[in-house]
Protein backbone atom coordinates (compact mmCIF):
# COMPACT_ATOMS: atom_id res chain seq x y z
CA MET A 1 -10.27 -11.78 24.49
CA ASP A 2 -11.82 -15.09 23.46
CA SER A 3 -10.55 -17.13 20.52
CA LEU A 4 -13.69 -16.42 18.49
CA ASN A 5 -13.09 -12.68 18.47
CA GLN A 6 -9.41 -13.24 17.62
CA PHE A 7 -10.58 -15.27 14.63
CA ARG A 8 -12.94 -12.44 13.66
CA GLU A 9 -10.09 -9.92 13.85
CA GLU A 10 -8.00 -11.95 11.44
CA GLN A 11 -10.90 -12.48 9.02
CA ILE A 12 -11.91 -8.80 9.08
CA GLN A 13 -8.36 -7.74 8.40
CA LYS A 14 -7.97 -10.23 5.56
CA ILE A 15 -11.20 -9.17 3.84
CA LEU A 16 -10.53 -5.44 4.20
CA TYR A 17 -7.11 -5.65 2.58
CA GLU A 18 -8.53 -7.83 -0.18
CA MET A 19 -11.21 -5.18 -0.70
CA SER A 20 -8.57 -2.45 -0.82
CA SER A 21 -6.64 -4.25 -3.57
CA ASN A 22 -9.90 -5.05 -5.33
CA TYR A 23 -11.01 -1.41 -5.24
CA TYR A 24 -7.84 -0.14 -6.92
CA ASP A 25 -8.17 -2.80 -9.62
CA ILE A 26 -11.72 -1.54 -10.28
CA ASP A 27 -10.67 2.10 -10.25
CA ASN A 28 -7.75 1.44 -12.59
CA ARG A 29 -9.92 -0.45 -15.09
CA ASN A 30 -12.57 2.27 -15.01
CA GLU A 31 -9.95 4.92 -15.69
CA PHE A 32 -8.51 2.91 -18.58
CA TYR A 33 -11.95 2.27 -20.03
CA SER A 34 -12.86 5.98 -19.88
CA LEU A 35 -9.80 6.79 -21.99
CA GLN A 36 -10.85 4.50 -24.82
CA ASN A 37 -12.34 5.96 -28.00
CA ASN A 38 -16.11 6.42 -27.53
CA HIS A 39 -16.70 5.15 -31.04
CA GLU A 40 -15.06 1.80 -30.40
CA GLU A 41 -17.22 -1.28 -29.98
CA PRO A 42 -17.67 -2.22 -26.28
CA ASP A 43 -15.31 -4.93 -25.09
CA LEU A 44 -17.80 -7.39 -23.61
CA GLY A 45 -15.07 -9.53 -22.06
CA TYR A 46 -13.62 -6.47 -20.39
CA GLU A 47 -17.02 -5.39 -19.09
CA MET A 48 -17.81 -8.84 -17.73
CA TYR A 49 -14.51 -8.97 -15.86
CA SER A 50 -15.08 -5.47 -14.46
CA ASP A 51 -18.54 -6.53 -13.29
CA SER A 52 -17.04 -9.58 -11.57
CA LEU A 53 -14.54 -7.36 -9.72
CA GLU A 54 -17.35 -5.13 -8.54
CA ASP A 55 -19.50 -8.11 -7.49
CA LYS A 56 -16.61 -9.47 -5.44
CA PHE A 57 -16.11 -6.10 -3.72
CA ILE A 58 -19.82 -5.91 -2.89
CA ASP A 59 -19.96 -9.48 -1.54
CA ASN A 60 -16.93 -8.79 0.65
CA ALA A 61 -18.43 -5.52 1.87
CA LYS A 62 -21.58 -7.28 3.09
CA SER A 63 -19.60 -10.14 4.64
CA VAL A 64 -17.19 -7.88 6.51
CA TYR A 65 -20.08 -5.76 7.79
CA LEU A 66 -21.61 -8.80 9.50
CA LEU A 67 -18.22 -9.84 10.88
CA ILE A 68 -17.55 -6.40 12.33
CA CYS A 69 -21.01 -6.29 13.91
CA SER A 70 -20.32 -9.66 15.55
CA TYR A 71 -16.86 -8.49 16.62
CA ILE A 72 -18.11 -5.30 18.31
CA GLU A 73 -21.00 -7.17 19.92
CA GLY A 74 -18.54 -9.79 21.16
CA ARG A 75 -16.72 -7.01 22.98
CA ASN A 76 -20.02 -5.99 24.58
CA GLU A 77 -19.77 -2.46 23.15
CA ILE A 78 -23.46 -2.07 22.38
CA GLU A 79 -23.54 1.71 21.94
CA TYR A 80 -20.55 1.61 19.59
CA LEU A 81 -22.28 -1.15 17.63
CA LYS A 82 -25.34 1.07 17.21
CA GLN A 83 -23.16 3.90 15.89
CA PHE A 84 -21.44 1.54 13.46
CA LYS A 85 -24.74 0.20 12.13
CA ASN A 86 -26.25 3.67 11.81
CA VAL A 87 -23.35 4.90 9.68
CA ILE A 88 -22.45 1.82 7.61
CA SER A 89 -25.74 -0.03 7.08
CA PRO A 90 -27.33 2.66 4.82
CA LYS A 91 -24.21 2.62 2.63
CA LEU A 92 -24.76 -1.07 1.82
CA GLU A 93 -28.24 -0.70 0.36
CA LEU A 94 -27.33 0.48 -3.15
CA ARG A 95 -24.64 -0.88 -5.46
CA SER A 96 -23.60 2.66 -6.35
CA ASP A 97 -23.10 3.56 -2.69
CA ILE A 98 -20.99 0.49 -1.98
CA LEU A 99 -18.76 1.26 -4.96
CA SER A 100 -18.66 5.03 -4.48
CA SER A 101 -15.34 6.83 -4.65
CA GLU A 102 -14.06 10.07 -3.23
CA TYR A 103 -11.09 12.06 -4.45
CA ASP A 104 -8.15 12.96 -2.25
CA SER A 105 -6.92 16.20 -3.81
CA TYR A 106 -3.80 16.26 -1.66
CA ASN A 107 -2.59 12.81 -2.75
CA GLN A 108 -4.27 13.11 -6.18
CA GLN A 109 -6.05 9.75 -6.14
CA ASN A 110 -9.45 8.18 -5.64
CA TYR A 111 -10.27 6.09 -2.60
CA SER A 112 -13.19 3.95 -1.47
CA ALA A 113 -15.61 5.99 0.63
CA LEU A 114 -17.00 2.83 2.25
CA LEU A 115 -13.60 1.45 3.25
CA SER A 116 -12.60 4.82 4.64
CA ASP A 117 -15.69 4.89 6.85
CA ILE A 118 -15.17 1.32 8.05
CA TRP A 119 -11.51 1.93 8.95
CA ARG A 120 -12.54 5.03 10.89
CA PHE A 121 -14.44 2.77 13.28
CA LEU A 122 -11.84 0.00 13.46
CA LYS A 123 -8.86 2.25 14.18
CA THR A 124 -10.06 2.56 17.77
CA TYR A 125 -8.93 -1.06 18.25
CA GLU A 126 -5.24 -1.79 18.71
CA PHE A 127 -5.29 -4.87 16.50
CA PHE A 128 -6.38 -2.96 13.42
CA GLY A 129 -3.99 -0.09 14.01
CA GLN A 130 -0.74 -1.87 14.79
CA LYS A 131 -0.76 -5.61 14.21
CA ASN A 132 -1.25 -5.92 10.47
CA ASP A 133 2.32 -5.58 9.17
CA GLU A 134 3.00 -9.33 9.05
CA TYR A 135 -0.17 -10.02 7.09
CA LEU A 136 0.50 -7.19 4.64
CA ARG A 137 3.93 -8.57 3.75
CA LYS A 138 2.59 -12.09 3.14
CA ARG A 139 0.50 -11.05 0.14
CA THR A 140 1.64 -12.50 -3.20
CA GLY A 141 2.11 -9.10 -4.82
CA ILE A 142 4.61 -8.11 -2.14
CA TYR A 143 6.80 -11.07 -3.03
CA TYR A 144 6.86 -9.89 -6.66
CA LEU A 145 7.59 -6.34 -5.58
CA GLU A 146 10.44 -7.25 -3.24
CA ASN A 147 11.97 -9.41 -5.98
CA ILE A 148 11.95 -6.38 -8.32
CA LEU A 149 13.46 -4.07 -5.70
CA GLU A 150 16.13 -6.57 -4.68
CA ASN A 151 17.13 -6.93 -8.33
CA THR A 152 17.37 -3.22 -9.12
CA ALA A 153 21.06 -3.56 -10.09
CA VAL A 154 20.24 -6.44 -12.46
CA ILE A 155 17.49 -4.39 -14.13
CA LEU A 156 19.85 -1.46 -14.68
CA LYS A 157 22.56 -3.75 -16.04
CA ASP A 158 20.15 -5.35 -18.50
CA LEU A 159 19.18 -1.86 -19.68
CA ASN A 160 22.86 -0.92 -20.05
CA LYS A 161 22.41 1.98 -17.65
CA ILE A 162 24.92 3.33 -15.16
CA PRO A 163 22.87 5.69 -12.99
CA LYS A 164 24.30 8.92 -11.65
CA SER A 165 21.34 9.83 -9.42
CA GLU A 166 18.30 8.52 -7.56
CA THR A 167 16.07 9.67 -10.41
CA GLU A 168 17.95 7.59 -12.97
CA VAL A 169 17.64 4.53 -10.74
CA TYR A 170 13.89 4.67 -10.11
CA ASN A 171 13.05 5.77 -13.66
CA ALA A 172 14.36 2.41 -14.85
CA VAL A 173 12.56 0.41 -12.17
CA LYS A 174 9.21 2.17 -12.45
CA VAL A 175 8.76 0.84 -16.00
CA ILE A 176 8.92 -2.69 -14.61
CA CYS A 177 6.56 -1.81 -11.74
CA LYS A 178 4.01 -0.33 -14.13
CA GLY A 179 3.95 -3.56 -16.13
CA VAL A 180 3.51 -5.76 -13.06
CA PHE A 181 1.30 -3.40 -11.05
CA PRO A 182 -1.02 -1.41 -13.36
CA THR A 183 -2.22 0.81 -10.49
CA ALA A 184 1.29 2.11 -9.79
CA ASN A 185 1.65 5.85 -9.88
CA TYR A 186 4.51 8.28 -9.56
CA PRO A 187 3.80 11.45 -7.57
CA THR A 188 4.94 14.70 -9.15
CA THR A 189 3.89 16.73 -6.10
CA PRO A 190 4.97 16.15 -2.51
CA PHE A 191 3.44 13.13 -0.80
CA ILE A 192 1.47 13.82 2.36
CA SER A 193 4.09 14.68 4.96
CA ILE A 194 5.50 11.46 6.32
CA ALA A 195 9.13 12.35 6.63
CA GLN A 196 11.46 15.10 5.55
CA GLU A 197 13.81 12.60 3.93
CA TYR A 198 11.25 10.00 2.81
CA LYS A 199 9.62 11.22 -0.39
CA PRO A 200 8.13 8.22 -2.26
CA ASP A 201 9.00 7.79 -5.93
CA ILE A 202 6.55 4.95 -6.57
CA LEU A 203 3.13 4.45 -4.99
CA LEU A 204 1.30 1.12 -5.21
CA PRO A 205 -2.15 1.67 -3.70
CA SER A 206 -3.31 -1.88 -4.47
CA LEU A 207 -0.53 -3.12 -2.16
CA ASN A 208 -0.82 -0.23 0.32
CA THR A 209 2.86 0.42 -0.41
CA ALA A 210 5.16 3.37 -1.03
CA ILE A 211 8.73 3.11 -2.34
CA GLU A 212 11.61 5.56 -2.13
CA TYR A 213 15.03 5.19 -3.75
CA LYS A 214 18.18 6.60 -2.18
CA TYR A 215 21.53 6.96 -3.95
CA ALA A 216 24.82 6.91 -2.04
CA ARG A 217 28.35 7.30 -3.39
CA THR A 218 29.99 7.06 0.03
CA GLU A 219 29.54 5.22 3.30
CA GLU A 220 29.07 8.58 5.05
CA LYS A 221 26.17 9.46 2.75
CA LEU A 222 24.58 6.07 3.38
CA LYS A 223 24.82 6.49 7.16
CA ALA A 224 23.48 10.04 7.06
CA THR A 225 20.48 9.15 4.92
CA ILE A 226 19.47 6.25 7.16
CA ASP A 227 19.70 8.45 10.24
CA GLN A 228 17.67 11.21 8.60
CA ILE A 229 14.86 8.81 7.67
CA LEU A 230 14.87 7.30 11.15
CA VAL A 231 14.43 10.68 12.83
CA ASP A 232 11.48 11.47 10.59
CA VAL A 233 9.54 8.22 10.91
CA VAL A 234 9.53 8.08 14.69
CA GLY A 235 6.03 8.97 15.78
CA TYR A 236 4.57 8.54 12.29
CA SER A 237 0.85 7.83 12.31
CA ASN A 238 -0.62 5.45 9.73
CA HIS A 239 -1.73 6.80 6.38
CA SER A 240 -5.22 5.70 5.34
CA THR A 241 -3.92 3.90 2.22
CA TYR A 242 -0.18 3.37 2.56
CA LYS A 243 0.88 0.94 5.26
CA LEU A 244 4.21 -0.45 4.02
CA PHE A 245 7.22 1.72 3.23
CA TYR A 246 10.33 0.61 1.35
CA ALA A 247 13.58 2.57 1.36
CA VAL A 248 15.87 1.16 -1.35
CA PHE A 249 19.49 2.24 -0.96
CA TYR A 250 21.43 2.05 -4.22
CA VAL A 251 25.14 2.28 -3.39
CA THR A 252 27.95 2.64 -5.92
CA GLY A 253 30.27 0.43 -3.85
CA ASP A 254 29.68 -2.40 -1.42
CA PHE A 255 30.37 -0.34 1.70
CA TRP A 256 28.78 -2.75 4.21
CA GLY A 257 27.40 -5.83 2.56
CA ARG A 258 23.78 -6.86 2.90
CA LYS A 259 24.21 -8.65 6.22
CA LYS A 260 25.74 -5.62 7.95
CA PHE A 261 23.13 -3.30 6.39
CA ASN A 262 20.29 -5.48 7.71
CA GLU A 263 21.89 -5.57 11.18
CA ILE A 264 22.26 -1.78 11.27
CA TRP A 265 18.69 -1.28 10.01
CA LYS A 266 17.45 -3.56 12.80
CA GLU A 267 19.63 -1.86 15.43
CA LYS A 268 18.23 1.55 14.46
CA GLY A 269 14.79 0.37 15.56
CA PHE A 270 12.77 1.16 12.45
CA PRO A 271 9.05 0.30 12.71
CA LYS A 272 8.20 -3.14 11.32
CA ASN A 273 6.33 -1.65 8.38
CA TRP A 274 9.47 0.17 7.19
CA ILE A 275 11.71 -2.10 5.11
CA GLY A 276 15.24 -1.19 4.06
CA ILE A 277 16.80 -2.80 0.97
CA TYR A 278 20.51 -2.64 0.14
CA VAL A 279 21.44 -2.74 -3.55
CA VAL A 280 25.03 -2.63 -4.84
CA GLY A 281 25.49 -1.05 -8.25
CA LYS A 282 28.50 0.15 -10.21
């Protein structure tokens, strides 16, 4: 493939993930606004900022459409280009169509109809299905998130909590996540089947990220849980929204140390978009 199409791949990927984060910011603000008292005076500053988010999403949608057309044409896939234009072009004519949402009843959340349609076309290309993990982890929000997860023990200590279960661990952390990431949500029903042992406690759609906490009192429990997750994620196919998966292991004693944990995690051969974090509590 020529260097121009490689550049297009990177730009398309960058814009689409920016649009994904942008969409969840819009959806979250709309939900918050709908909960306000109808008799309250409109917050003009709030409305102007919401409009600017929508304008940015629309501008990106039109830009990425042209990039994708050039990308497909550059691969000399003329019939596929026609299909793409026939499906996507009409959806870019009206503001309401570009911003339209659909509801996923299984995962209990809204998602962008336009982005879903665009990804349906791009998933036929290897680059957009497998090579985006490095870019996803470079986003600023991920640095904040990983700092929170790595400091789980510090958060619990500051709250004067000595957890006795996974639930007590993530209940403390989710308060922090909600403050930093307003779109965070906490599923009360089973997540779409990814793994028998991986059941996310915290979902961050704006970062395409799911987080699960594990609690281990013994080295044997730690080993068993890692092996169980590994068996389940082999052969996992990408979720339309969630691309990064964190498994945070809160251990009551320093059974391995972080270096050994990281070595074992690497040796197990987890996919690159699955990140294990080792946290030593009391």
